[in-house]
C-alpha atoms as a PDB file:
ATOM      1  CA  ASP A   1       0.005  -0.001  -0.020  1.00  0.00           C
ATOM      2  CA  PRO A   2       2.643   2.576  -1.006  1.00  0.00           C
ATOM      3  CA  GLU A   3       1.846   6.263  -1.440  1.00  0.00           C
ATOM      4  CA  VAL A   4       4.440   6.520  -4.206  1.00  0.00           C
ATOM      5  CA  TRP A   5       5.979   4.027  -6.646  1.00  0.00           C
ATOM      6  CA  VAL A   6       9.223   4.930  -8.451  1.00  0.00           C
ATOM      7  CA  TRP A   7      10.386   3.153 -11.607  1.00  0.00           C
ATOM      8  CA  LEU A   8      14.207   3.047 -11.688  1.00  0.00           C
ATOM      9  CA  GLY A   9      14.505   2.119 -15.390  1.00  0.00           C
ATOM     10  CA  ASP A  10      14.277  -1.085 -17.424  1.00  0.00           C
ATOM     11  CA  ILE A  11      10.518  -0.781 -17.032  1.00  0.00           C
ATOM     12  CA  VAL A  12      10.294  -3.038 -20.075  1.00  0.00           C
ATOM     13  CA  TYR A  13      12.958  -4.755 -22.165  1.00  0.00           C
ATOM     14  CA  SER A  14      12.670  -3.642 -25.747  1.00  0.00           C
ATOM     15  CA  GLU A  15      14.299  -5.061 -28.834  1.00  0.00           C
ATOM     16  CA  ASN A  16      17.342  -2.927 -29.630  1.00  0.00           C
ATOM     17  CA  GLY A  17      16.265   0.224 -31.430  1.00  0.00           C
ATOM     18  CA  ASN A  18      12.731  -1.014 -32.144  1.00  0.00           C
ATOM     19  CA  MET A  19      10.300   1.743 -31.153  1.00  0.00           C
ATOM     20  CA  LYS A  20       7.243  -0.301 -32.241  1.00  0.00           C
ATOM     21  CA  ASP A  21       8.303  -3.087 -29.908  1.00  0.00           C
ATOM     22  CA  LEU A  22       8.930  -0.602 -27.122  1.00  0.00           C
ATOM     23  CA  SER A  23       5.493   0.968 -27.570  1.00  0.00           C
ATOM     24  CA  GLU A  24       3.797  -2.428 -27.553  1.00  0.00           C
ATOM     25  CA  LYS A  25       5.557  -3.519 -24.388  1.00  0.00           C
ATOM     26  CA  TYR A  26       4.607  -0.314 -22.562  1.00  0.00           C
ATOM     27  CA  ALA A  27       1.022  -0.951 -23.630  1.00  0.00           C
ATOM     28  CA  LEU A  28       1.206  -4.495 -22.361  1.00  0.00           C
ATOM     29  CA  GLN A  29       2.627  -3.346 -19.030  1.00  0.00           C
ATOM     30  CA  LYS A  30      -0.264  -0.907 -18.605  1.00  0.00           C
ATOM     31  CA  GLN A  31      -2.786  -3.702 -19.224  1.00  0.00           C
ATOM     32  CA  LEU A  32      -1.487  -6.055 -16.535  1.00  0.00           C
ATOM     33  CA  PRO A  33      -4.201  -6.318 -13.838  1.00  0.00           C
ATOM     34  CA  ALA A  34      -1.724  -5.953 -10.931  1.00  0.00           C
ATOM     35  CA  TYR A  35      -0.171  -2.840 -12.496  1.00  0.00           C
ATOM     36  CA  LYS A  36      -3.574  -1.324 -13.238  1.00  0.00           C
ATOM     37  CA  GLU A  37      -4.463  -1.785  -9.562  1.00  0.00           C
ATOM     38  CA  LEU A  38      -1.180  -0.158  -8.509  1.00  0.00           C
ATOM     39  CA  ALA A  39      -1.726   2.770 -10.874  1.00  0.00           C
ATOM     40  CA  GLU A  40      -5.239   3.355  -9.560  1.00  0.00           C
ATOM     41  CA  ASN A  41      -4.108   3.549  -5.939  1.00  0.00           C
ATOM     42  CA  THR A  42      -0.572   4.959  -6.067  1.00  0.00           C
ATOM     43  CA  THR A  43       1.225   7.979  -7.487  1.00  0.00           C
ATOM     44  CA  ILE A  44       3.747   6.700 -10.039  1.00  0.00           C
ATOM     45  CA  PHE A  45       6.996   8.375 -11.071  1.00  0.00           C
ATOM     46  CA  GLY A  46       9.891   7.060 -13.080  1.00  0.00           C
ATOM     47  CA  VAL A  47      12.887   7.449 -15.326  1.00  0.00           C
ATOM     48  CA  TRP A  48      14.470   5.155 -17.870  1.00  0.00           C
ATOM     49  CA  ASP A  49      17.619   3.049 -17.985  1.00  0.00           C
ATOM     50  CA  ASP A  50      19.099   1.379 -21.067  1.00  0.00           C
ATOM     51  CA  HIS A  51      16.496  -1.256 -22.047  1.00  0.00           C
ATOM     52  CA  ASP A  52      13.569   1.148 -21.986  1.00  0.00           C
ATOM     53  CA  PHE A  53      15.805   3.857 -23.474  1.00  0.00           C
ATOM     54  CA  GLY A  54      16.111   1.492 -26.391  1.00  0.00           C
ATOM     55  CA  GLU A  55      19.483  -0.251 -26.512  1.00  0.00           C
ATOM     56  CA  ASN A  56      21.780  -2.026 -24.097  1.00  0.00           C
ATOM     57  CA  ASP A  57      24.229   0.365 -22.378  1.00  0.00           C
ATOM     58  CA  ALA A  58      23.206   3.117 -24.836  1.00  0.00           C
ATOM     59  CA  GLY A  59      23.716   6.834 -24.423  1.00  0.00           C
ATOM     60  CA  VAL A  60      24.060  10.089 -26.344  1.00  0.00           C
ATOM     61  CA  SER A  61      24.618   8.413 -29.726  1.00  0.00           C
ATOM     62  CA  PHE A  62      21.317   6.425 -29.684  1.00  0.00           C
ATOM     63  CA  SER A  63      19.515   7.645 -32.797  1.00  0.00           C
ATOM     64  CA  LYS A  64      15.939   7.165 -31.552  1.00  0.00           C
ATOM     65  CA  LYS A  65      16.217   8.786 -28.135  1.00  0.00           C
ATOM     66  CA  LYS A  66      13.632  11.502 -28.902  1.00  0.00           C
ATOM     67  CA  GLU A  67      11.046   8.931 -30.021  1.00  0.00           C
ATOM     68  CA  SER A  68      11.860   6.835 -27.007  1.00  0.00           C
ATOM     69  CA  ARG A  69      11.434   9.743 -24.609  1.00  0.00           C
ATOM     70  CA  LYS A  70       7.937  10.453 -25.983  1.00  0.00           C
ATOM     71  CA  LEU A  71       6.973   6.831 -25.334  1.00  0.00           C
ATOM     72  CA  LEU A  72       8.353   6.973 -21.794  1.00  0.00           C
ATOM     73  CA  PHE A  73       6.526  10.227 -20.950  1.00  0.00           C
ATOM     74  CA  ASP A  74       3.313   8.859 -22.451  1.00  0.00           C
ATOM     75  CA  PHE A  75       3.639   5.690 -20.337  1.00  0.00           C
ATOM     76  CA  LEU A  76       4.282   7.751 -17.172  1.00  0.00           C
ATOM     77  CA  LYS A  77       1.447  10.142 -18.068  1.00  0.00           C
ATOM     78  CA  ILE A  78       3.674  13.185 -17.632  1.00  0.00           C
ATOM     79  CA  PRO A  79       1.459  16.226 -18.283  1.00  0.00           C
ATOM     80  CA  LYS A  80       2.004  18.212 -21.435  1.00  0.00           C
ATOM     81  CA  ASN A  81       2.699  21.342 -19.397  1.00  0.00           C
ATOM     82  CA  HIS A  82       5.322  19.663 -17.191  1.00  0.00           C
ATOM     83  CA  PRO A  83       8.727  21.459 -17.382  1.00  0.00           C
ATOM     84  CA  ALA A  84      10.404  18.171 -18.414  1.00  0.00           C
ATOM     85  CA  GLN A  85       8.437  18.287 -21.687  1.00  0.00           C
ATOM     86  CA  GLU A  86      10.246  21.478 -22.696  1.00  0.00           C
ATOM     87  CA  ARG A  87      13.797  20.139 -22.468  1.00  0.00           C
ATOM     88  CA  ASP A  88      15.898  17.302 -23.796  1.00  0.00           C
ATOM     89  CA  GLY A  89      16.289  14.192 -21.686  1.00  0.00           C
ATOM     90  CA  ALA A  90      13.974  12.635 -19.114  1.00  0.00           C
ATOM     91  CA  TYR A  91      15.100  14.222 -15.848  1.00  0.00           C
ATOM     92  CA  GLN A  92      12.428  15.455 -13.460  1.00  0.00           C
ATOM     93  CA  SER A  93      11.939  16.699  -9.879  1.00  0.00           C
ATOM     94  CA  TYR A  94       9.064  16.571  -7.396  1.00  0.00           C
ATOM     95  CA  CYS A  95       8.748  17.822  -3.824  1.00  0.00           C
ATOM     96  CA  PHE A  96       6.160  16.948  -1.206  1.00  0.00           C
ATOM     97  CA  GLY A  97       5.202  18.277   2.213  1.00  0.00           C
ATOM     98  CA  ARG A  98       6.165  21.404   4.079  1.00  0.00           C
ATOM     99  CA  GLY A  99       8.636  22.596   6.669  1.00  0.00           C
ATOM    100  CA  ALA A 100      10.372  19.863   8.598  1.00  0.00           C
ATOM    101  CA  GLN A 101       8.376  17.202   6.718  1.00  0.00           C
ATOM    102  CA  ARG A 102       9.475  18.111   3.208  1.00  0.00           C
ATOM    103  CA  VAL A 103      10.723  15.409   0.826  1.00  0.00           C
ATOM    104  CA  CYS A 104      12.217  15.958  -2.635  1.00  0.00           C
ATOM    105  CA  LEU A 105      12.624  13.389  -5.406  1.00  0.00           C
ATOM    106  CA  TYR A 106      15.108  13.981  -8.244  1.00  0.00           C
ATOM    107  CA  LEU A 107      14.890  11.580 -11.184  1.00  0.00           C
ATOM    108  CA  LEU A 108      18.235  11.706 -12.962  1.00  0.00           C
ATOM    109  CA  ASP A 109      18.705  10.754 -16.607  1.00  0.00           C
ATOM    110  CA  VAL A 110      21.883   8.705 -17.027  1.00  0.00           C
ATOM    111  CA  ARG A 111      21.124   7.848 -20.674  1.00  0.00           C
ATOM    112  CA  TYR A 112      20.254  10.758 -22.955  1.00  0.00           C
ATOM    113  CA  PHE A 113      23.529  12.665 -22.492  1.00  0.00           C
ATOM    114  CA  LYS A 114      25.899   9.839 -21.460  1.00  0.00           C
ATOM    115  CA  GLU A 115      29.127   9.843 -23.439  1.00  0.00           C
ATOM    116  CA  ASP A 116      30.055   6.732 -25.407  1.00  0.00           C
ATOM    117  CA  TYR A 117      32.235   4.147 -23.725  1.00  0.00           C
ATOM    118  CA  GLU A 118      35.611   2.898 -24.795  1.00  0.00           C
ATOM    119  CA  LYS A 119      35.985  -0.833 -24.348  1.00  0.00           C
ATOM    120  CA  ASP A 120      38.408  -1.928 -21.644  1.00  0.00           C
ATOM    121  CA  PRO A 121      40.718  -4.787 -22.702  1.00  0.00           C
ATOM    122  CA  SER A 122      40.911  -5.897 -19.067  1.00  0.00           C
ATOM    123  CA  PRO A 123      38.846  -9.030 -18.311  1.00  0.00           C
ATOM    124  CA  ASN A 124      37.717  -7.374 -15.060  1.00  0.00           C
ATOM    125  CA  GLN A 125      35.977  -4.366 -16.627  1.00  0.00           C
ATOM    126  CA  ARG A 126      33.809  -3.813 -19.701  1.00  0.00           C
ATOM    127  CA  TYR A 127      34.586  -0.103 -20.116  1.00  0.00           C
ATOM    128  CA  LYS A 128      37.456   2.281 -19.496  1.00  0.00           C
ATOM    129  CA  LYS A 129      36.928   5.173 -17.126  1.00  0.00           C
ATOM    130  CA  ASN A 130      35.421   8.151 -18.906  1.00  0.00           C
ATOM    131  CA  LYS A 131      36.065  11.837 -18.224  1.00  0.00           C
ATOM    132  CA  GLY A 132      32.596  12.745 -19.471  1.00  0.00           C
ATOM    133  CA  LEU A 133      29.816  14.628 -17.698  1.00  0.00           C
ATOM    134  CA  LEU A 134      27.401  11.628 -17.794  1.00  0.00           C
ATOM    135  CA  LEU A 135      24.409  13.917 -17.136  1.00  0.00           C
ATOM    136  CA  GLY A 136      25.190  16.554 -19.755  1.00  0.00           C
ATOM    137  CA  THR A 137      25.684  20.290 -19.253  1.00  0.00           C
ATOM    138  CA  ASP A 138      21.992  21.229 -19.157  1.00  0.00           C
ATOM    139  CA  GLN A 139      21.045  18.570 -16.643  1.00  0.00           C
ATOM    140  CA  TRP A 140      23.938  19.486 -14.361  1.00  0.00           C
ATOM    141  CA  ASN A 141      22.915  23.163 -14.484  1.00  0.00           C
ATOM    142  CA  TRP A 142      19.310  22.191 -13.727  1.00  0.00           C
ATOM    143  CA  LEU A 143      20.351  19.993 -10.821  1.00  0.00           C
ATOM    144  CA  GLU A 144      22.557  22.680  -9.267  1.00  0.00           C
ATOM    145  CA  LYS A 145      19.769  25.254  -9.558  1.00  0.00           C
ATOM    146  CA  GLU A 146      17.379  22.802  -7.888  1.00  0.00           C
ATOM    147  CA  LEU A 147      19.790  21.964  -5.077  1.00  0.00           C
ATOM    148  CA  SER A 148      20.710  25.583  -4.432  1.00  0.00           C
ATOM    149  CA  ALA A 149      17.076  26.241  -3.461  1.00  0.00           C
ATOM    150  CA  ASN A 150      16.583  22.934  -1.637  1.00  0.00           C
ATOM    151  CA  ASP A 151      15.257  23.003   1.934  1.00  0.00           C
ATOM    152  CA  ALA A 152      13.961  19.404   2.209  1.00  0.00           C
ATOM    153  CA  THR A 153      14.647  17.181   5.175  1.00  0.00           C
ATOM    154  CA  ILE A 154      14.875  14.095   2.950  1.00  0.00           C
ATOM    155  CA  ASN A 155      16.265  14.036  -0.575  1.00  0.00           C
ATOM    156  CA  LEU A 156      15.804  11.028  -2.819  1.00  0.00           C
ATOM    157  CA  PHE A 157      17.793  10.810  -6.037  1.00  0.00           C
ATOM    158  CA  ALA A 158      16.927   8.079  -8.532  1.00  0.00           C
ATOM    159  CA  GLY A 159      18.671   6.827 -11.643  1.00  0.00           C
ATOM    160  CA  GLY A 160      19.313   3.511 -13.331  1.00  0.00           C
ATOM    161  CA  ILE A 161      22.943   2.756 -12.706  1.00  0.00           C
ATOM    162  CA  GLN A 162      24.622   2.348  -9.306  1.00  0.00           C
ATOM    163  CA  LEU A 163      26.194   5.391  -7.674  1.00  0.00           C
ATOM    164  CA  LEU A 164      28.592   3.770  -5.163  1.00  0.00           C
ATOM    165  CA  SER A 165      29.453   0.190  -6.108  1.00  0.00           C
ATOM    166  CA  SER A 166      32.656   0.540  -8.127  1.00  0.00           C
ATOM    167  CA  GLU A 167      34.322  -2.841  -8.548  1.00  0.00           C
ATOM    168  CA  HIS A 168      31.909  -4.812 -10.724  1.00  0.00           C
ATOM    169  CA  PRO A 169      32.462  -4.670 -14.515  1.00  0.00           C
ATOM    170  CA  TYR A 170      29.071  -3.287 -15.498  1.00  0.00           C
ATOM    171  CA  GLU A 171      27.714   0.218 -15.901  1.00  0.00           C
ATOM    172  CA  LYS A 172      28.114   2.510 -12.894  1.00  0.00           C
ATOM    173  CA  TRP A 173      28.833   6.113 -11.896  1.00  0.00           C
ATOM    174  CA  ALA A 174      32.389   5.016 -11.082  1.00  0.00           C
ATOM    175  CA  ASN A 175      32.968   4.752 -14.857  1.00  0.00           C
ATOM    176  CA  PHE A 176      32.562   8.554 -14.786  1.00  0.00           C
ATOM    177  CA  PRO A 177      34.689   9.575 -11.787  1.00  0.00           C
ATOM    178  CA  LEU A 178      34.553  13.319 -12.506  1.00  0.00           C
ATOM    179  CA  ALA A 179      30.754  13.212 -12.689  1.00  0.00           C
ATOM    180  CA  GLN A 180      30.563  11.131  -9.489  1.00  0.00           C
ATOM    181  CA  LYS A 181      32.770  13.629  -7.644  1.00  0.00           C
ATOM    182  CA  ARG A 182      30.732  16.521  -9.022  1.00  0.00           C
ATOM    183  CA  PHE A 183      27.576  14.961  -7.617  1.00  0.00           C
ATOM    184  CA  PHE A 184      29.115  14.461  -4.203  1.00  0.00           C
ATOM    185  CA  ASP A 185      30.490  18.029  -4.238  1.00  0.00           C
ATOM    186  CA  LEU A 186      27.021  19.457  -4.967  1.00  0.00           C
ATOM    187  CA  LEU A 187      25.520  17.571  -2.020  1.00  0.00           C
ATOM    188  CA  VAL A 188      28.207  18.987   0.254  1.00  0.00           C
ATOM    189  CA  LYS A 189      28.114  22.533  -1.231  1.00  0.00           C
ATOM    190  CA  TYR A 190      24.412  22.933  -0.655  1.00  0.00           C
ATOM    191  CA  SER A 191      24.260  20.909   2.615  1.00  0.00           C
ATOM    192  CA  ILE A 192      21.656  18.543   1.173  1.00  0.00           C
ATOM    193  CA  GLN A 193      19.940  16.795   4.030  1.00  0.00           C
ATOM    194  CA  THR A 194      19.546  12.990   4.201  1.00  0.00           C
ATOM    195  CA  PRO A 195      20.700  12.183   0.621  1.00  0.00           C
ATOM    196  CA  ILE A 196      19.550   8.767  -0.598  1.00  0.00           C
ATOM    197  CA  TYR A 197      20.273   7.466  -4.096  1.00  0.00           C
ATOM    198  CA  LEU A 198      17.924   4.831  -5.552  1.00  0.00           C
ATOM    199  CA  SER A 199      19.359   2.610  -8.318  1.00  0.00           C
ATOM    200  CA  GLY A 200      18.240  -0.427 -10.307  1.00  0.00           C
ATOM    201  CA  ASP A 201      19.825  -2.049 -13.390  1.00  0.00           C
ATOM    202  CA  ARG A 202      21.724  -4.899 -11.739  1.00  0.00           C
ATOM    203  CA  HIS A 203      19.123  -7.651 -11.157  1.00  0.00           C
ATOM    204  CA  ILE A 204      20.288  -7.771  -7.561  1.00  0.00           C
ATOM    205  CA  ALA A 205      19.569  -5.800  -4.383  1.00  0.00           C
ATOM    206  CA  GLU A 206      22.020  -4.296  -1.973  1.00  0.00           C
ATOM    207  CA  VAL A 207      22.462  -1.268   0.255  1.00  0.00           C
ATOM    208  CA  SER A 208      25.716   0.708   0.100  1.00  0.00           C
ATOM    209  CA  SER A 209      26.948   3.763   1.969  1.00  0.00           C
ATOM    210  CA  GLN A 210      29.915   6.112   1.715  1.00  0.00           C
ATOM    211  CA  GLU A 211      31.049   8.951   3.999  1.00  0.00           C
ATOM    212  CA  ILE A 212      31.697  11.829   1.586  1.00  0.00           C
ATOM    213  CA  LYS A 213      32.717  14.286   4.344  1.00  0.00           C
ATOM    214  CA  PRO A 214      33.076  13.760   8.087  1.00  0.00           C
ATOM    215  CA  ASN A 215      29.782  12.480   9.535  1.00  0.00           C
ATOM    216  CA  TYR A 216      27.968  13.000   6.223  1.00  0.00           C
ATOM    217  CA  TRP A 217      26.840   9.875   4.399  1.00  0.00           C
ATOM    218  CA  ILE A 218      25.306   9.071   1.039  1.00  0.00           C
ATOM    219  CA  TYR A 219      23.375   5.830   0.718  1.00  0.00           C
ATOM    220  CA  ASP A 220      22.769   3.889  -2.510  1.00  0.00           C
ATOM    221  CA  ILE A 221      19.717   1.580  -2.329  1.00  0.00           C
ATOM    222  CA  THR A 222      19.790  -0.857  -5.259  1.00  0.00           C
ATOM    223  CA  SER A 223      16.604  -2.818  -5.955  1.00  0.00           C
ATOM    224  CA  SER A 224      16.276  -4.887  -9.155  1.00  0.00           C
ATOM    225  CA  GLY A 225      14.271  -6.664 -10.325  1.00  0.00           C
ATOM    226  CA  LEU A 226      10.674  -7.832  -9.942  1.00  0.00           C
ATOM    227  CA  THR A 227      10.663 -10.270 -12.852  1.00  0.00           C
ATOM    228  CA  HIS A 228      14.307 -11.188 -13.528  1.00  0.00           C
ATOM    229  CA  SER A 229      17.107 -11.566 -11.002  1.00  0.00           C
ATOM    230  CA  TYR A 230      20.727 -12.631 -11.078  1.00  0.00           C
ATOM    231  CA  ASP A 231      20.075 -15.605  -8.796  1.00  0.00           C
ATOM    232  CA  SER A 232      23.187 -17.482  -9.903  1.00  0.00           C
ATOM    233  CA  LEU A 233      25.467 -14.747  -8.570  1.00  0.00           C
ATOM    234  CA  GLU A 234      27.216 -15.997  -5.446  1.00  0.00           C
ATOM    235  CA  ASP A 235      29.479 -13.096  -4.633  1.00  0.00           C
ATOM    236  CA  GLU A 236      30.602  -9.717  -5.968  1.00  0.00           C
ATOM    237  CA  PRO A 237      33.058  -7.212  -4.460  1.00  0.00           C
ATOM    238  CA  ASN A 238      31.608  -3.961  -3.183  1.00  0.00           C
ATOM    239  CA  GLN A 239      33.617  -2.152  -0.521  1.00  0.00           C
ATOM    240  CA  TYR A 240      30.624   0.084   0.318  1.00  0.00           C
ATOM    241  CA  ARG A 241      28.006  -2.669   0.801  1.00  0.00           C
ATOM    242  CA  ILE A 242      26.352  -2.704   4.236  1.00  0.00           C
ATOM    243  CA  SER A 243      23.728  -5.340   3.447  1.00  0.00           C
ATOM    244  CA  PRO A 244      23.927  -8.911   2.214  1.00  0.00           C
ATOM    245  CA  LEU A 245      24.145  -9.367  -1.541  1.00  0.00           C
ATOM    246  CA  LEU A 246      20.519 -10.277  -2.396  1.00  0.00           C
ATOM    247  CA  THR A 247      19.856 -12.060  -5.652  1.00  0.00           C
ATOM    248  CA  MET A 248      16.180 -13.046  -5.410  1.00  0.00           C
ATOM    249  CA  LEU A 249      13.333 -11.255  -7.147  1.00  0.00           C
ATOM    250  CA  ASN A 250      12.803  -8.114  -5.099  1.00  0.00           C
ATOM    251  CA  PHE A 251      11.543  -4.566  -4.670  1.00  0.00           C
ATOM    252  CA  GLY A 252      12.674  -1.831  -2.340  1.00  0.00           C
ATOM    253  CA  LYS A 253      10.577   0.020   0.236  1.00  0.00           C
ATOM    254  CA  ILE A 254      11.239   3.277   2.083  1.00  0.00           C
ATOM    255  CA  GLU A 255       9.199   4.281   5.126  1.00  0.00           C
ATOM    256  CA  ILE A 256       9.607   7.713   6.757  1.00  0.00           C
ATOM    257  CA  ASN A 257       9.125   8.033  10.484  1.00  0.00           C
ATOM    258  CA  TRP A 258       8.758  11.720  11.294  1.00  0.00           C
ATOM    259  CA  LYS A 259       8.489  11.000  15.041  1.00  0.00           C
ATOM    260  CA  THR A 260      11.820   9.160  15.370  1.00  0.00           C
ATOM    261  CA  PHE A 261      13.585  11.179  12.611  1.00  0.00           C
ATOM    262  CA  GLU A 262      14.664   8.161  10.622  1.00  0.00           C
ATOM    263  CA  LEU A 263      14.062   6.252   7.404  1.00  0.00           C
ATOM    264  CA  GLN A 264      13.519   2.537   7.269  1.00  0.00           C
ATOM    265  CA  ILE A 265      14.866   0.883   4.122  1.00  0.00           C
ATOM    266  CA  GLN A 266      13.738  -2.628   3.262  1.00  0.00           C
ATOM    267  CA  ILE A 267      14.454  -5.075   0.483  1.00  0.00           C
ATOM    268  CA  ILE A 268      11.380  -7.279   0.079  1.00  0.00           C
ATOM    269  CA  ASN A 269      10.945 -10.483  -1.912  1.00  0.00           C
ATOM    270  CA  VAL A 270       7.962 -11.219  -4.143  1.00  0.00           C
ATOM    271  CA  ASP A 271       6.227 -13.051  -1.298  1.00  0.00           C
ATOM    272  CA  GLY A 272       6.223  -9.798   0.633  1.00  0.00           C
ATOM    273  CA  ILE A 273       8.835 -10.946   3.166  1.00  0.00           C
ATOM    274  CA  SER A 274      11.571  -8.508   4.155  1.00  0.00           C
ATOM    275  CA  GLN A 275      15.079  -9.766   3.345  1.00  0.00           C
ATOM    276  CA  PHE A 276      16.977  -6.820   4.777  1.00  0.00           C
ATOM    277  CA  THR A 277      16.148  -3.767   6.916  1.00  0.00           C
ATOM    278  CA  GLN A 278      18.323  -0.726   7.503  1.00  0.00           C
ATOM    279  CA  LYS A 279      17.348   2.295   9.593  1.00  0.00           C
ATOM    280  CA  ILE A 280      18.934   5.570   8.505  1.00  0.00           C
ATOM    281  CA  PRO A 281      18.737   8.593  10.783  1.00  0.00           C
ATOM    282  CA  PHE A 282      17.967  11.998   9.253  1.00  0.00           C
ATOM    283  CA  GLN A 283      21.195  13.952   8.692  1.00  0.00           C
END
């Protein structure tokens, strides 16, 4: 019975570059009885990752990104007068509540502007580190403007790829170290309270945390996926992981307790049973 549901990308898996297939799969998703029930009772937000963007690990060079964005916004029912409709990319922001009970949600687009990768010959990594912006100039400017005016007690950032986990060979912010540092620096510069990053992509679940200045922590809550999981994965290095590595079908849940000034993070399996709980105090 959530008040809000957030898609973290890979909403559907489309055939590479096939916008007809992508459109049909969005339509099918909308028709599923369980999803229709969710949509009738819950406010839904979301952003894409690669497979609903239109191509595996794709970015700025994907030729059908404008068509794909229209399909995403239609699926999410983003109003025609929403500011996101007037700009390139799929990034959005939403804030709720007032005063000490204010929450902001920033949906970051790690696809539309992402620079192309260079293959890494190392067997331990797919891609070489990239000096690119990842989010693109306009999105960075938008994000800084948003954060400069931010007064929320809780700040949720959401995007497909993981923010903190850096050792696995797949897509991650650590492939763009300058962009990762820039994000951390913005959080510190504007004293952003209780920053939580929500990621998907990996077909696993885990909770990671990193102290980016003394007594100031960023958390990365990875939850993926509801229909396909990497259940054969036995271990994977992640120096920032504070949970078990969870490989069953799962979804993530965040509950806010305004009386005790803390968040409760849970990873829940498809039978509704919590597999991991982490309480995070407001900071």
